[in-house]
Structures are given as structure tokens and as C-alpha cells.
Amino acid sequence: MNFRRLWAMFLARNHEFFRDKAAFGWNFLFPFLLVGGFAIVFGSDRYNEYKIGVFPVTGSAVEIEQLVLPDRFKKQRSFEFIPFASDQEAFDKLKHHKIDFLVKDNSATNEYWVSGTSQKGYIVEQLFNAALTKPEDVVLGNKRDIQGFEIRYIDWLFPGILAMNMMFSALYGVGYFVVRYRKNGVLKRLKATPLTAFEYLGSQMLSRNFLIMFTIIIVWVGCDLLFSFQMAGSYLMLFFLFFIGSLNLTALGLVLASRGISEEFTSGIINFISWPMMFLSEVWFSLEGAPQWVKIVAEAFPLTHLLTAIRAVMNDGAGIADISYQLVFLLSMTIGFLIIGSVAFSWNK
């Protein structure tokens, strides 16, 4: 292997990426927009989990003190009361699950409506009926407070957004890019040079990892200044995990790039792999409570193990021994992807 040729291809790929100002800017802007949007929608103290429709109420806001509803129901801090002037408008919102529960204000018989297919509506219904009982009839449980710092949704979500952006950058930045060069005949011309397949693939992998890590550091620092993420573990360990994850996903991109000659087909394969991985690897939501077979499928994805390790370090202060299983899985899969990609690689087919 000639390091001068590898270094030359590494620099050439980096120059090509940085000259494409649209792609370069979007790699930074996209995570900021996602994190900012979720912080605005889900990070506000005013955001409530349950939406309670109330009619007839005029105006765009509800004065909770003026509602003639059970006091214990009005004081639920997880409720957001939404006004409706007419019952028909409220019924339409309830049928389409845009609200979870509908109650009539100042009703002598405490009229309410709930969708039979809404799990949230069922919970609100139980709370509403419980609020109608007399306080002396209520049996209180033995409340115990849990110790520790609260993890905000944005703290849990942010690693998932970074990992998702890293996944798409690796798969499209390597797999799609190499296939396009093969289709355009660039790889065929490179084959006529002293450059070997290992040197070419190595340069593409190193270049993409450099760009991914550079992007992650900039985005992390910028978002941390805006949202002040809670970090219980080591930043060095976190950087190492992102680097291992970048290697893994880039190696997967090399497998996709090894033989493809159609950009459309390669794009379809990338979507076929990346979208299930994004939804089943707990990027957006936890799989707790999901069917067991779904969890088994999710365990086959490298993104699942990467996010498990990153969140353990970030939220629980885990050390290398605590995430050893995830590290072994990622490294083993990376080596497997590299072997498959290098053996199957073709310059022209």
C-alpha cells in the first residue's frame, strides 16, 4: 500500500466535498433545524401530553379558573385545555385523534366524549371519573420519590439525531458517491493508474470519517451552547463511540458501493436499509413495550447498539466496561463489512 496515493485521494475527496457549498452547509444546518424544532415543540414547559377539548368556550385561550369542572381534574399538570366554540368542531377533532378527550363545560351531568381507540383518552377518562369522587373516598398510595437528575426528551433525542445524520452521510456519501463514479467511468480510469482498490476504498473511508467527525463536533458544540445538554459521562468516551459508529456505517456504505452501477437502485437499497434502522434503532422513540420480535430485529442493526452505548455514557455516566458488548458488536460488524466490501469491490461492474 502506498500512503502517498491514499493521502492524495483523501485530499481530493475532501476538496470535492468542501467545494460543494450546498451539501457542506446542509450537513451542518439539518441537525440544528431538527434539534431546534424538537426543542421548541417538546422542550417547552407549556407542552402537555394530554389534550383536553372543552366546549362551549369562546376565544382562543382557556381560562382554567373559569371552567366549571372538577377541581382535581382542572389541576392536572399534564393537561392542556383547548377551547371549542361548537360541539361539531370538537367532535371532528376527537374523531381524528387531534385531541384525547372532550368535556362539556358547566354540565349538570358531567358529559364527556372519548374515542374507544384512544389509549390516552382512556387514561383521561379514568382521571375524570376519579375526580368526580369525594376526596374522602380516595385511597392514596404510598408515594416514594426517585433520586437522580431528570433527563429531558431533548437530551435523549439529540444523540439519535446525530447518529441518524451520520448514518445518511456515511451511506450516501460513500455508497451513492462511489456508484456514481463507477457509472460515469471515473473508476475505470482510476483503475489504469497505480492506485489499488484497497487504497481507493481506504481513502474514501478515511475522508468520510473525517467529515462526519468534523460535522459532529461542530453541531454538538453549537447545540450544547443553545440547549445545555446534560452530560454524565466522559466526552472522550463519547467521541470514541461516534468514531467507531462512523467507521461501522462507512464500512456498510462500502459494501453497498462495491458492485452497484445504478444510482437509482443504490438509492433504493440505501433507503431499504436506513429507514428501518432509523425507526427501529430508537432514534425518535423507545421500543419499550414493543413486541419481542421487533426488539430482536432491532438488535441486528448497528445503529441500535451505537445509540444504546452513547445514551448510556451521556445519561448514565457508563464506562468502557459497561458498554463492552456494544463495542464488540460494532467492531466485529465493521471488520465484517470491510472484508465483504473489499472482496466484492469492482472497478467497472
Protein backbone atom coordinates (compact mmCIF):
# COMPACT_ATOMS: atom_id res chain seq x y z
CA MET A 1 0.00 0.00 0.00
CA ASN A 2 1.30 3.43 -0.95
CA PHE A 3 0.35 6.08 1.62
CA ARG A 4 1.08 8.94 -0.78
CA ARG A 5 -1.56 7.71 -3.21
CA LEU A 6 -4.03 7.11 -0.37
CA TRP A 7 -3.37 10.60 1.01
CA ALA A 8 -3.80 12.17 -2.43
CA MET A 9 -7.22 10.54 -2.86
CA PHE A 10 -8.15 11.53 0.70
CA LEU A 11 -7.39 15.18 -0.01
CA ALA A 12 -9.12 15.07 -3.40
CA ARG A 13 -12.35 13.76 -1.85
CA ASN A 14 -12.25 16.37 0.92
CA HIS A 15 -11.69 19.20 -1.55
CA GLU A 16 -14.60 17.97 -3.62
CA PHE A 17 -16.89 17.93 -0.59
CA PHE A 18 -15.89 21.36 0.70
CA ARG A 19 -16.32 22.91 -2.75
CA ASP A 20 -19.94 21.74 -2.79
CA LYS A 21 -21.19 24.52 -0.51
CA ALA A 22 -24.83 23.36 -0.63
CA ALA A 23 -24.04 19.85 0.63
CA PHE A 24 -21.48 21.19 3.09
CA GLY A 25 -23.92 23.70 4.57
CA TRP A 26 -26.81 21.24 4.74
CA ASN A 27 -24.73 18.76 6.76
CA PHE A 28 -24.49 21.40 9.49
CA LEU A 29 -27.89 23.07 9.11
CA PHE A 30 -30.06 19.91 9.09
CA PRO A 31 -29.20 18.70 12.65
CA PHE A 32 -29.59 22.24 14.03
CA LEU A 33 -33.05 22.54 12.47
CA LEU A 34 -34.15 19.15 13.80
CA VAL A 35 -32.87 19.74 17.34
CA GLY A 36 -34.25 23.29 17.41
CA GLY A 37 -37.65 22.17 16.16
CA PHE A 38 -37.96 19.38 18.73
CA ALA A 39 -36.75 21.69 21.50
CA ILE A 40 -39.46 24.23 20.63
CA VAL A 41 -42.25 21.66 20.35
CA PHE A 42 -41.33 19.23 23.13
CA GLY A 43 -38.93 21.17 25.34
CA SER A 44 -41.29 23.90 26.49
CA ASP A 45 -42.82 23.76 29.94
CA ARG A 46 -46.13 24.63 28.30
CA TYR A 47 -46.16 21.43 26.27
CA ASN A 48 -48.61 18.95 27.76
CA GLU A 49 -49.01 15.30 26.99
CA TYR A 50 -52.81 15.15 27.08
CA LYS A 51 -55.04 17.48 25.06
CA ILE A 52 -58.47 18.10 26.58
CA GLY A 53 -61.13 19.74 24.42
CA VAL A 54 -63.70 21.96 26.20
CA PHE A 55 -66.91 23.41 24.75
CA PRO A 56 -68.69 25.75 24.53
CA VAL A 57 -65.83 28.20 25.07
CA THR A 58 -65.33 31.36 23.03
CA GLY A 59 -61.92 32.84 22.31
CA SER A 60 -58.53 31.32 21.53
CA ALA A 61 -57.48 30.52 25.10
CA VAL A 62 -59.00 28.77 28.08
CA GLU A 63 -59.22 30.43 31.48
CA ILE A 64 -58.93 27.33 33.64
CA GLU A 65 -60.23 29.09 36.75
CA GLN A 66 -63.50 29.90 34.95
CA LEU A 67 -64.18 26.33 33.85
CA VAL A 68 -66.95 24.57 35.78
CA LEU A 69 -65.18 21.21 36.04
CA PRO A 70 -63.97 19.10 38.97
CA ASP A 71 -61.10 20.90 40.67
CA ARG A 72 -58.85 17.85 40.81
CA PHE A 73 -59.33 17.40 37.06
CA LYS A 74 -58.53 21.03 36.22
CA LYS A 75 -55.35 20.96 38.30
CA GLN A 76 -53.74 18.03 36.44
CA ARG A 77 -50.43 19.50 35.30
CA SER A 78 -50.15 17.18 32.27
CA PHE A 79 -53.35 18.54 30.71
CA GLU A 80 -53.70 21.17 28.03
CA PHE A 81 -57.22 22.54 27.72
CA ILE A 82 -58.24 23.50 24.19
CA PRO A 83 -61.35 25.66 23.61
CA PHE A 84 -64.07 24.90 21.06
CA ALA A 85 -66.99 27.17 20.28
CA SER A 86 -69.15 24.42 18.80
CA ASP A 87 -69.59 20.75 19.57
CA GLN A 88 -69.34 19.69 15.89
CA GLU A 89 -65.83 21.11 15.52
CA ALA A 90 -64.79 19.41 18.74
CA PHE A 91 -66.28 16.06 17.64
CA ASP A 92 -64.30 16.20 14.38
CA LYS A 93 -61.04 16.82 16.28
CA LEU A 94 -61.79 13.95 18.67
CA LYS A 95 -62.60 11.51 15.85
CA HIS A 96 -59.29 12.29 14.16
CA HIS A 97 -57.33 11.93 17.45
CA LYS A 98 -56.22 15.56 17.42
CA ILE A 99 -57.50 15.80 20.99
CA ASP A 100 -57.63 12.98 23.54
CA PHE A 101 -60.75 13.85 25.48
CA LEU A 102 -63.75 16.16 25.16
CA VAL A 103 -65.80 17.55 28.02
CA LYS A 104 -68.73 19.94 28.17
CA ASP A 105 -68.22 22.92 30.42
CA ASN A 106 -70.78 23.60 33.16
CA SER A 107 -72.67 20.38 32.51
CA ALA A 108 -75.06 19.27 35.23
CA THR A 109 -74.49 15.62 34.31
CA ASN A 110 -70.72 15.95 33.65
CA GLU A 111 -71.00 15.00 29.96
CA TYR A 112 -67.83 13.88 28.22
CA TRP A 113 -66.80 12.15 25.00
CA VAL A 114 -63.86 9.85 24.33
CA SER A 115 -62.71 7.71 21.40
CA GLY A 116 -62.75 3.98 22.10
CA THR A 117 -59.49 3.52 20.15
CA SER A 118 -57.53 6.19 22.02
CA GLN A 119 -55.25 4.91 24.79
CA LYS A 120 -54.66 8.45 26.05
CA GLY A 121 -58.40 9.07 26.05
CA TYR A 122 -58.93 6.02 28.23
CA ILE A 123 -56.42 7.32 30.79
CA VAL A 124 -58.01 10.79 30.86
CA GLU A 125 -61.43 9.18 31.28
CA GLN A 126 -60.24 7.33 34.39
CA LEU A 127 -58.81 10.56 35.81
CA PHE A 128 -62.02 12.46 35.07
CA ASN A 129 -64.20 9.87 36.80
CA ALA A 130 -61.78 9.70 39.73
CA ALA A 131 -62.01 13.47 40.08
CA LEU A 132 -65.81 13.19 40.48
CA THR A 133 -65.47 11.06 43.63
CA LYS A 134 -65.39 12.62 47.04
CA PRO A 135 -61.89 13.25 48.43
CA GLU A 136 -62.61 11.11 51.49
CA ASP A 137 -63.40 8.15 49.21
CA VAL A 138 -59.98 8.27 47.55
CA VAL A 139 -57.36 5.81 48.82
CA LEU A 140 -53.88 7.28 48.40
CA GLY A 141 -50.84 5.11 47.71
CA ASN A 142 -47.51 5.30 49.48
CA LYS A 143 -45.61 7.81 47.33
CA ARG A 144 -41.81 7.49 47.06
CA ASP A 145 -39.58 9.98 45.24
CA ILE A 146 -36.91 8.69 42.89
CA GLN A 147 -33.45 10.19 43.30
CA GLY A 148 -31.34 11.48 40.41
CA PHE A 149 -31.40 14.18 37.76
CA GLU A 150 -34.20 14.35 35.24
CA ILE A 151 -33.38 13.50 31.62
CA ARG A 152 -35.18 15.82 29.23
CA TYR A 153 -36.59 14.46 25.99
CA ILE A 154 -34.16 16.66 24.04
CA ASP A 155 -31.23 15.11 25.98
CA TRP A 156 -32.46 11.66 24.99
CA LEU A 157 -33.24 12.64 21.40
CA PHE A 158 -30.08 14.57 20.47
CA PRO A 159 -27.74 11.53 20.17
CA GLY A 160 -30.33 9.91 17.92
CA ILE A 161 -30.42 12.91 15.58
CA LEU A 162 -26.62 12.99 15.34
CA ALA A 163 -26.47 9.23 14.71
CA MET A 164 -29.19 9.46 12.06
CA ASN A 165 -27.37 12.29 10.28
CA MET A 166 -24.15 10.27 10.50
CA MET A 167 -25.89 7.21 9.01
CA PHE A 168 -27.25 9.07 5.98
CA SER A 169 -23.94 10.89 5.49
CA ALA A 170 -21.99 7.62 5.55
CA LEU A 171 -24.31 5.61 3.31
CA TYR A 172 -24.94 8.29 0.72
CA GLY A 173 -21.51 9.90 0.98
CA VAL A 174 -19.73 6.60 0.26
CA GLY A 175 -22.22 4.19 -1.31
CA TYR A 176 -24.00 6.62 -3.63
CA PHE A 177 -20.84 8.57 -4.46
CA VAL A 178 -18.77 5.51 -5.49
CA VAL A 179 -21.61 4.08 -7.58
CA ARG A 180 -21.95 7.40 -9.41
CA TYR A 181 -18.22 7.37 -10.18
CA ARG A 182 -18.47 3.80 -11.44
CA LYS A 183 -21.42 4.70 -13.67
CA ASN A 184 -19.63 7.77 -15.07
CA GLY A 185 -16.49 5.76 -15.83
CA VAL A 186 -14.27 7.55 -13.31
CA LEU A 187 -13.41 4.31 -11.50
CA LYS A 188 -12.49 2.68 -14.80
CA ARG A 189 -9.97 5.47 -15.45
CA LEU A 190 -8.61 5.22 -11.90
CA LYS A 191 -8.06 1.51 -12.47
CA ALA A 192 -5.49 2.42 -15.15
CA THR A 193 -3.41 4.25 -12.52
CA PRO A 194 -1.16 2.62 -9.90
CA LEU A 195 -3.96 3.17 -7.36
CA THR A 196 -5.14 -0.09 -5.80
CA ALA A 197 -8.68 -0.92 -4.75
CA PHE A 198 -7.62 -1.03 -1.09
CA GLU A 199 -6.04 2.43 -1.33
CA TYR A 200 -9.10 3.85 -3.03
CA LEU A 201 -11.57 2.37 -0.56
CA GLY A 202 -9.35 3.32 2.36
CA SER A 203 -9.16 6.94 1.19
CA GLN A 204 -12.95 7.12 0.77
CA MET A 205 -13.49 5.67 4.22
CA LEU A 206 -10.97 7.97 5.92
CA SER A 207 -12.32 11.03 4.12
CA ARG A 208 -15.92 10.32 5.06
CA ASN A 209 -14.98 9.62 8.69
CA PHE A 210 -13.05 12.87 8.90
CA LEU A 211 -16.01 14.83 7.50
CA ILE A 212 -18.52 13.07 9.77
CA MET A 213 -16.49 13.66 12.94
CA PHE A 214 -15.81 17.27 11.95
CA THR A 215 -19.56 17.81 11.47
CA ILE A 216 -20.48 16.09 14.73
CA ILE A 217 -18.08 18.21 16.79
CA ILE A 218 -19.34 21.48 15.28
CA VAL A 219 -23.01 20.53 15.64
CA TRP A 220 -22.53 19.21 19.20
CA VAL A 221 -20.77 22.35 20.40
CA GLY A 222 -23.30 24.64 18.72
CA CYS A 223 -26.36 22.79 20.04
CA ASP A 224 -24.85 22.46 23.51
CA LEU A 225 -24.42 26.23 23.69
CA LEU A 226 -28.10 26.66 22.82
CA PHE A 227 -29.69 23.84 24.84
CA SER A 228 -27.15 22.95 27.58
CA PHE A 229 -27.23 19.16 27.33
CA GLN A 230 -26.65 17.15 30.49
CA MET A 231 -23.51 15.02 30.25
CA ALA A 232 -22.92 12.43 32.96
CA GLY A 233 -20.03 10.56 31.33
CA SER A 234 -16.76 11.27 29.55
CA TYR A 235 -16.60 13.39 26.40
CA LEU A 236 -13.58 11.38 25.29
CA MET A 237 -15.61 8.16 25.51
CA LEU A 238 -18.44 9.82 23.63
CA PHE A 239 -16.10 10.94 20.85
CA PHE A 240 -14.66 7.43 20.63
CA LEU A 241 -18.14 5.92 20.27
CA PHE A 242 -19.10 8.31 17.49
CA PHE A 243 -15.83 7.47 15.74
CA ILE A 244 -16.47 3.71 15.99
CA GLY A 245 -20.04 4.25 14.77
CA SER A 246 -18.79 6.33 11.86
CA LEU A 247 -16.35 3.58 10.87
CA ASN A 248 -19.10 0.99 11.05
CA LEU A 249 -21.61 2.90 8.92
CA THR A 250 -18.96 3.95 6.41
CA ALA A 251 -17.90 0.31 6.06
CA LEU A 252 -21.55 -0.57 5.41
CA GLY A 253 -21.56 2.12 2.72
CA LEU A 254 -18.54 0.45 1.10
CA VAL A 255 -20.48 -2.82 0.91
CA LEU A 256 -23.30 -1.04 -0.92
CA ALA A 257 -20.77 0.63 -3.23
CA SER A 258 -18.81 -2.50 -4.07
CA ARG A 259 -20.86 -3.60 -7.07
CA GLY A 260 -23.68 -1.16 -7.84
CA ILE A 261 -23.80 0.56 -11.24
CA SER A 262 -27.23 2.21 -10.97
CA GLU A 263 -27.67 5.29 -8.78
CA GLU A 264 -31.42 4.70 -8.61
CA PHE A 265 -31.03 1.09 -7.47
CA THR A 266 -28.35 2.03 -4.94
CA SER A 267 -30.54 4.82 -3.58
CA GLY A 268 -33.37 2.32 -3.15
CA ILE A 269 -31.10 -0.13 -1.33
CA ILE A 270 -29.84 2.63 0.97
CA ASN A 271 -33.43 3.64 1.80
CA PHE A 272 -34.35 -0.02 2.34
CA ILE A 273 -31.58 -0.28 4.94
CA SER A 274 -31.57 3.16 6.52
CA TRP A 275 -35.28 3.78 7.11
CA PRO A 276 -35.98 0.59 9.12
CA MET A 277 -32.75 1.21 11.01
CA MET A 278 -33.83 4.77 11.79
CA PHE A 279 -37.26 3.76 13.12
CA LEU A 280 -36.24 0.57 14.96
CA SER A 281 -32.96 1.80 16.47
CA GLU A 282 -34.67 4.18 18.94
CA VAL A 283 -33.68 7.36 17.14
CA TRP A 284 -37.06 9.01 17.82
CA PHE A 285 -38.73 6.83 20.44
CA SER A 286 -38.06 3.96 22.81
CA LEU A 287 -39.05 0.39 21.91
CA GLU A 288 -40.12 -0.40 25.47
CA GLY A 289 -43.43 -2.20 25.23
CA ALA A 290 -42.92 -3.17 21.58
CA PRO A 291 -43.39 -6.83 20.50
CA GLN A 292 -40.43 -9.06 21.27
CA TRP A 293 -39.79 -9.85 17.59
CA VAL A 294 -39.41 -6.12 16.88
CA LYS A 295 -36.74 -5.86 19.57
CA ILE A 296 -34.92 -8.89 18.12
CA VAL A 297 -34.89 -7.29 14.66
CA ALA A 298 -33.63 -4.01 16.15
CA GLU A 299 -30.72 -5.82 17.81
CA ALA A 300 -29.35 -6.68 14.34
CA PHE A 301 -28.85 -3.00 13.46
CA PRO A 302 -25.53 -1.30 14.31
CA LEU A 303 -27.34 1.97 14.99
CA THR A 304 -29.22 0.32 17.86
CA HIS A 305 -26.01 -0.65 19.65
CA LEU A 306 -24.38 2.69 18.91
CA LEU A 307 -27.25 4.69 20.42
CA THR A 308 -27.51 2.35 23.41
CA ALA A 309 -23.83 2.95 24.20
CA ILE A 310 -23.94 6.71 23.55
CA ARG A 311 -27.00 7.26 25.75
CA ALA A 312 -25.50 5.10 28.49
CA VAL A 313 -22.41 7.32 28.53
CA MET A 314 -24.27 10.59 28.16
CA ASN A 315 -27.19 9.99 30.53
CA ASP A 316 -25.83 7.37 32.98
CA GLY A 317 -22.08 8.01 33.01
CA ALA A 318 -21.25 4.50 31.76
CA GLY A 319 -17.62 3.42 31.35
CA ILE A 320 -15.99 1.19 28.77
CA ALA A 321 -16.77 -1.97 30.76
CA ASP A 322 -20.49 -1.10 30.83
CA ILE A 323 -20.67 -0.81 27.03
CA SER A 324 -18.23 -3.57 26.14
CA TYR A 325 -20.92 -5.67 24.45
CA GLN A 326 -21.94 -2.81 22.16
CA LEU A 327 -18.30 -2.05 21.31
CA VAL A 328 -17.52 -5.66 20.44
CA PHE A 329 -20.64 -5.85 18.27
CA LEU A 330 -19.80 -2.64 16.37
CA LEU A 331 -16.14 -3.53 15.84
CA SER A 332 -16.95 -7.07 14.70
CA MET A 333 -19.55 -5.84 12.26
CA THR A 334 -17.15 -3.16 10.97
CA ILE A 335 -14.48 -5.76 10.21
CA GLY A 336 -17.09 -7.94 8.51
CA PHE A 337 -18.31 -5.06 6.34
CA LEU A 338 -14.73 -4.16 5.35
CA ILE A 339 -13.93 -7.73 4.32
CA ILE A 340 -17.11 -8.05 2.26
CA GLY A 341 -16.66 -4.65 0.65
CA SER A 342 -13.01 -5.17 -0.30
CA VAL A 343 -13.56 -8.71 -1.66
CA ALA A 344 -16.66 -7.77 -3.68
CA PHE A 345 -15.37 -4.44 -4.99
CA SER A 346 -15.19 -3.99 -8.75
CA TRP A 347 -13.86 -1.01 -10.73
CA ASN A 348 -16.36 -1.35 -13.56
CA LYS A 349 -19.22 -3.72 -12.65
